[in-house]
Structure formats: C-alpha cells, structure tokens
C-alpha atoms as a PDB file:
ATOM      1  CA  MET A   1      99.580  31.292 111.232  1.00  0.00           C
ATOM      2  CA  ARG A   2     102.014  34.180 110.795  1.00  0.00           C
ATOM      3  CA  ASN A   3     103.645  32.542 107.735  1.00  0.00           C
ATOM      4  CA  LEU A   4     100.225  31.978 106.195  1.00  0.00           C
ATOM      5  CA  VAL A   5      99.365  35.667 106.615  1.00  0.00           C
ATOM      6  CA  LYS A   6     102.709  36.700 105.070  1.00  0.00           C
ATOM      7  CA  ARG A   7     102.200  34.311 102.152  1.00  0.00           C
ATOM      8  CA  VAL A   8      98.665  35.506 101.473  1.00  0.00           C
ATOM      9  CA  LEU A   9      99.575  39.205 101.774  1.00  0.00           C
ATOM     10  CA  SER A  10     102.592  38.826  99.492  1.00  0.00           C
ATOM     11  CA  GLY A  11     100.427  36.865  97.056  1.00  0.00           C
ATOM     12  CA  TYR A  12      97.815  39.617  96.965  1.00  0.00           C
ATOM     13  CA  GLY A  13     100.572  42.208  96.581  1.00  0.00           C
ATOM     14  CA  ALA A  14     101.964  40.303  93.602  1.00  0.00           C
ATOM     15  CA  LEU A  15      98.441  39.983  92.193  1.00  0.00           C
ATOM     16  CA  LEU A  16      97.843  43.728  92.474  1.00  0.00           C
ATOM     17  CA  TRP A  17     101.263  44.563  90.994  1.00  0.00           C
ATOM     18  CA  SER A  18     100.798  42.153  88.071  1.00  0.00           C
ATOM     19  CA  PHE A  19      97.305  43.412  87.331  1.00  0.00           C
ATOM     20  CA  LEU A  20      98.246  47.112  87.445  1.00  0.00           C
ATOM     21  CA  TYR A  21     101.456  46.774  85.443  1.00  0.00           C
ATOM     22  CA  GLY A  22      99.751  44.482  82.922  1.00  0.00           C
ATOM     23  CA  ALA A  23      96.966  47.064  82.544  1.00  0.00           C
ATOM     24  CA  LEU A  24      99.621  49.723  82.052  1.00  0.00           C
ATOM     25  CA  GLY A  25     101.157  47.528  79.350  1.00  0.00           C
ATOM     26  CA  LEU A  26      97.752  47.384  77.623  1.00  0.00           C
ATOM     27  CA  PHE A  27      97.481  51.164  77.906  1.00  0.00           C
ATOM     28  CA  TRP A  28     100.868  51.585  76.242  1.00  0.00           C
ATOM     29  CA  LEU A  29      99.955  48.985  73.625  1.00  0.00           C
ATOM     30  CA  MET A  30      96.897  51.035  72.676  1.00  0.00           C
ATOM     31  CA  GLY A  31      99.117  54.065  72.093  1.00  0.00           C
ATOM     32  CA  GLY A  32      99.096  55.635  75.548  1.00  0.00           C
ATOM     33  CA  ALA A  33     101.857  58.014  76.521  1.00  0.00           C
ATOM     34  CA  GLY A  34     104.607  57.363  79.034  1.00  0.00           C
ATOM     35  CA  PHE A  35     106.249  54.144  77.831  1.00  0.00           C
ATOM     36  CA  PRO A  36     109.423  54.137  79.976  1.00  0.00           C
ATOM     37  CA  TYR A  37     111.762  52.224  77.650  1.00  0.00           C
ATOM     38  CA  GLY A  38     113.321  52.887  74.250  1.00  0.00           C
ATOM     39  CA  LYS A  39     112.474  56.345  72.923  1.00  0.00           C
ATOM     40  CA  GLY A  40     110.531  57.082  76.120  1.00  0.00           C
ATOM     41  CA  ASP A  41     113.765  56.932  78.112  1.00  0.00           C
ATOM     42  CA  PRO A  42     115.985  59.830  77.015  1.00  0.00           C
ATOM     43  CA  TYR A  43     118.762  58.997  79.506  1.00  0.00           C
ATOM     44  CA  GLY A  44     118.795  55.263  78.887  1.00  0.00           C
ATOM     45  CA  VAL A  45     120.390  55.364  75.439  1.00  0.00           C
ATOM     46  CA  ASP A  46     123.813  54.337  76.658  1.00  0.00           C
ATOM     47  CA  ILE A  47     122.981  52.426  79.830  1.00  0.00           C
ATOM     48  CA  SER A  48     119.686  50.608  79.409  1.00  0.00           C
ATOM     49  CA  MET A  49     119.338  47.133  77.917  1.00  0.00           C
ATOM     50  CA  PHE A  50     116.012  48.311  76.526  1.00  0.00           C
ATOM     51  CA  ALA A  51     117.303  51.374  74.658  1.00  0.00           C
ATOM     52  CA  ASN A  52     116.102  50.046  71.290  1.00  0.00           C
ATOM     53  CA  VAL A  53     112.759  48.596  72.395  1.00  0.00           C
ATOM     54  CA  ARG A  54     109.756  49.947  70.515  1.00  0.00           C
ATOM     55  CA  SER A  55     106.661  50.676  72.552  1.00  0.00           C
ATOM     56  CA  GLU A  56     104.478  48.274  70.523  1.00  0.00           C
ATOM     57  CA  GLU A  57     106.719  45.284  71.238  1.00  0.00           C
ATOM     58  CA  GLY A  58     107.640  46.173  74.796  1.00  0.00           C
ATOM     59  CA  ALA A  59     104.082  46.973  75.831  1.00  0.00           C
ATOM     60  CA  LEU A  60     102.856  43.647  74.460  1.00  0.00           C
ATOM     61  CA  ILE A  61     105.501  41.788  76.467  1.00  0.00           C
ATOM     62  CA  ILE A  62     104.582  43.763  79.600  1.00  0.00           C
ATOM     63  CA  ALA A  63     100.868  43.030  79.127  1.00  0.00           C
ATOM     64  CA  ILE A  64     101.509  39.286  78.628  1.00  0.00           C
ATOM     65  CA  ALA A  65     103.867  39.194  81.623  1.00  0.00           C
ATOM     66  CA  GLY A  66     101.189  40.923  83.705  1.00  0.00           C
ATOM     67  CA  LEU A  67      98.629  38.294  82.697  1.00  0.00           C
ATOM     68  CA  ILE A  68     101.037  35.475  83.537  1.00  0.00           C
ATOM     69  CA  GLY A  69     101.768  37.197  86.854  1.00  0.00           C
ATOM     70  CA  VAL A  70      98.054  37.437  87.683  1.00  0.00           C
ATOM     71  CA  ILE A  71      97.540  33.733  86.926  1.00  0.00           C
ATOM     72  CA  THR A  72     100.642  32.768  88.912  1.00  0.00           C
ATOM     73  CA  SER A  73      99.540  34.894  91.878  1.00  0.00           C
ATOM     74  CA  LEU A  74      96.088  33.353  91.876  1.00  0.00           C
ATOM     75  CA  ILE A  75      97.607  29.878  91.850  1.00  0.00           C
ATOM     76  CA  LEU A  76      99.969  30.746  94.711  1.00  0.00           C
ATOM     77  CA  ILE A  77      97.230  32.359  96.803  1.00  0.00           C
ATOM     78  CA  GLY A  78      95.219  29.215  96.231  1.00  0.00           C
ATOM     79  CA  PRO A  79      91.569  30.292  96.233  1.00  0.00           C
ATOM     80  CA  TRP A  80      90.650  27.413  93.913  1.00  0.00           C
ATOM     81  CA  ARG A  81      92.988  24.736  95.273  1.00  0.00           C
ATOM     82  CA  TRP A  82      94.876  23.936  92.082  1.00  0.00           C
ATOM     83  CA  SER A  83      95.809  20.467  93.226  1.00  0.00           C
ATOM     84  CA  ARG A  84      96.978  19.214  89.823  1.00  0.00           C
ATOM     85  CA  ILE A  85      99.689  21.871  89.484  1.00  0.00           C
ATOM     86  CA  PRO A  86     102.768  21.193  91.621  1.00  0.00           C
ATOM     87  CA  ARG A  87     103.559  24.221  93.794  1.00  0.00           C
ATOM     88  CA  ILE A  88     107.100  24.422  92.413  1.00  0.00           C
ATOM     89  CA  ILE A  89     105.889  25.473  88.947  1.00  0.00           C
ATOM     90  CA  PRO A  90     104.212  28.772  89.944  1.00  0.00           C
ATOM     91  CA  LEU A  91     107.074  29.430  92.364  1.00  0.00           C
ATOM     92  CA  LEU A  92     109.562  29.107  89.487  1.00  0.00           C
ATOM     93  CA  PHE A  93     107.512  31.598  87.447  1.00  0.00           C
ATOM     94  CA  ALA A  94     107.321  34.010  90.389  1.00  0.00           C
ATOM     95  CA  TRP A  95     111.058  33.849  91.115  1.00  0.00           C
ATOM     96  CA  SER A  96     111.879  34.201  87.417  1.00  0.00           C
ATOM     97  CA  PHE A  97     109.820  37.384  87.197  1.00  0.00           C
ATOM     98  CA  ALA A  98     111.447  38.724  90.366  1.00  0.00           C
ATOM     99  CA  ILE A  99     114.948  38.090  89.011  1.00  0.00           C
ATOM    100  CA  VAL A 100     114.112  39.772  85.699  1.00  0.00           C
ATOM    101  CA  LEU A 101     112.663  42.823  87.471  1.00  0.00           C
ATOM    102  CA  LEU A 102     115.667  43.116  89.770  1.00  0.00           C
ATOM    103  CA  CYS A 103     118.542  42.255  87.460  1.00  0.00           C
ATOM    104  CA  VAL A 104     117.404  43.137  83.954  1.00  0.00           C
ATOM    105  CA  VAL A 105     114.966  46.050  84.167  1.00  0.00           C
ATOM    106  CA  CYS A 106     116.902  48.125  86.715  1.00  0.00           C
ATOM    107  CA  ASP A 107     120.165  49.934  86.041  1.00  0.00           C
ATOM    108  CA  TYR A 108     122.306  52.272  88.135  1.00  0.00           C
ATOM    109  CA  ARG A 109     119.694  55.047  88.099  1.00  0.00           C
ATOM    110  CA  VAL A 110     117.780  53.352  90.921  1.00  0.00           C
ATOM    111  CA  LEU A 111     120.750  53.798  93.234  1.00  0.00           C
ATOM    112  CA  ALA A 112     121.198  57.366  92.012  1.00  0.00           C
ATOM    113  CA  LEU A 113     117.501  58.050  92.598  1.00  0.00           C
ATOM    114  CA  ILE A 114     117.792  56.933  96.220  1.00  0.00           C
ATOM    115  CA  ALA A 115     120.924  59.039  96.726  1.00  0.00           C
ATOM    116  CA  TYR A 116     119.289  62.137  95.219  1.00  0.00           C
ATOM    117  CA  ALA A 117     116.191  61.603  97.382  1.00  0.00           C
ATOM    118  CA  LEU A 118     118.384  61.517 100.504  1.00  0.00           C
ATOM    119  CA  LEU A 119     119.968  64.786  99.365  1.00  0.00           C
ATOM    120  CA  LEU A 120     116.488  66.252  98.717  1.00  0.00           C
ATOM    121  CA  LYS A 121     117.311  66.855  95.034  1.00  0.00           C
ATOM    122  CA  PHE A 122     114.174  65.877  93.203  1.00  0.00           C
ATOM    123  CA  GLU A 123     114.914  67.571  89.859  1.00  0.00           C
ATOM    124  CA  PHE A 124     116.620  64.389  88.639  1.00  0.00           C
ATOM    125  CA  PHE A 125     113.472  62.300  89.021  1.00  0.00           C
ATOM    126  CA  ASP A 126     111.949  61.293  85.700  1.00  0.00           C
ATOM    127  CA  TRP A 127     109.376  58.656  84.830  1.00  0.00           C
ATOM    128  CA  PRO A 128     111.806  55.986  83.500  1.00  0.00           C
ATOM    129  CA  ALA A 129     113.892  56.141  86.693  1.00  0.00           C
ATOM    130  CA  ILE A 130     110.795  56.106  88.919  1.00  0.00           C
ATOM    131  CA  ASN A 131     109.491  53.132  86.915  1.00  0.00           C
ATOM    132  CA  GLN A 132     112.728  51.259  87.629  1.00  0.00           C
ATOM    133  CA  PHE A 133     112.407  52.078  91.319  1.00  0.00           C
ATOM    134  CA  ILE A 134     108.821  50.755  91.313  1.00  0.00           C
ATOM    135  CA  CYS A 135     109.983  47.572  89.562  1.00  0.00           C
ATOM    136  CA  LEU A 136     112.701  47.147  92.190  1.00  0.00           C
ATOM    137  CA  THR A 137     110.205  47.638  95.006  1.00  0.00           C
END
C-alpha cells in the first residue's frame, strides 16, 4: 500500500511539473519574458550548454517536452489502464527526462546557489540559477 501511495504521489508530482513547465514553455514561445537560457542567461555564456539557444527554439522544445511528460505521467499513474503499452516504455521516457534535467540542464551554479543560501547571501540569486535549481528538484 505504501509503495502504491509513493508511486501515485510521485506520478502526480511529475504530472504537475510537466504541465507547469510545458505551460511556461508555451508562454516563452508566445514571446513572454524570462526565458532562462541563451540571451536570458547573462552568466551562462561560458558555462552553459545552452548559451546559444534562441528562445523560439528552446521554448518549443520545452513545451513539447512538457506535453510528452504529461502524457507519460498519465500513463504511469494509470487512470485509464493503458494495457497495450508495456510499462517499461513510459518508464524509459520518465528516466530519460530525469537524466536530462539532472545532467544536461544544470551546471555548477546549482551547487553555488545552495552554498550562498547557507551563507545567507541572496544577492547572487538570479532567475536562470533558480530555474536550474527547480529543474534539479
């Protein structure tokens, strides 16, 4: 019973995360401010893999990834009993997204952000670094 509760809660957490971040990707795609990669990341020029990403391309990828995440979460939660889809397929999608968020999106600023928070120095917090911390969480 406890494992079922953990699985359902983590599934709903992934569903909420995918929906909100996908909606944020749509917002950025429509020209909204605050895109945290490329030109929106002034400190990431030398350290980020996404230093040259334009907001139009990156936001589209984020929106599509959010949609795929929502579908994957719904399959894993299982409200419709997707019996024709083997459980390993949505699990591979979920783990792939987790690895990308942990290993590709984040750089050293997440560790620096935690260290500065422990020192109560919040002047170094900016949206791109907070976005990476959210992706890590």
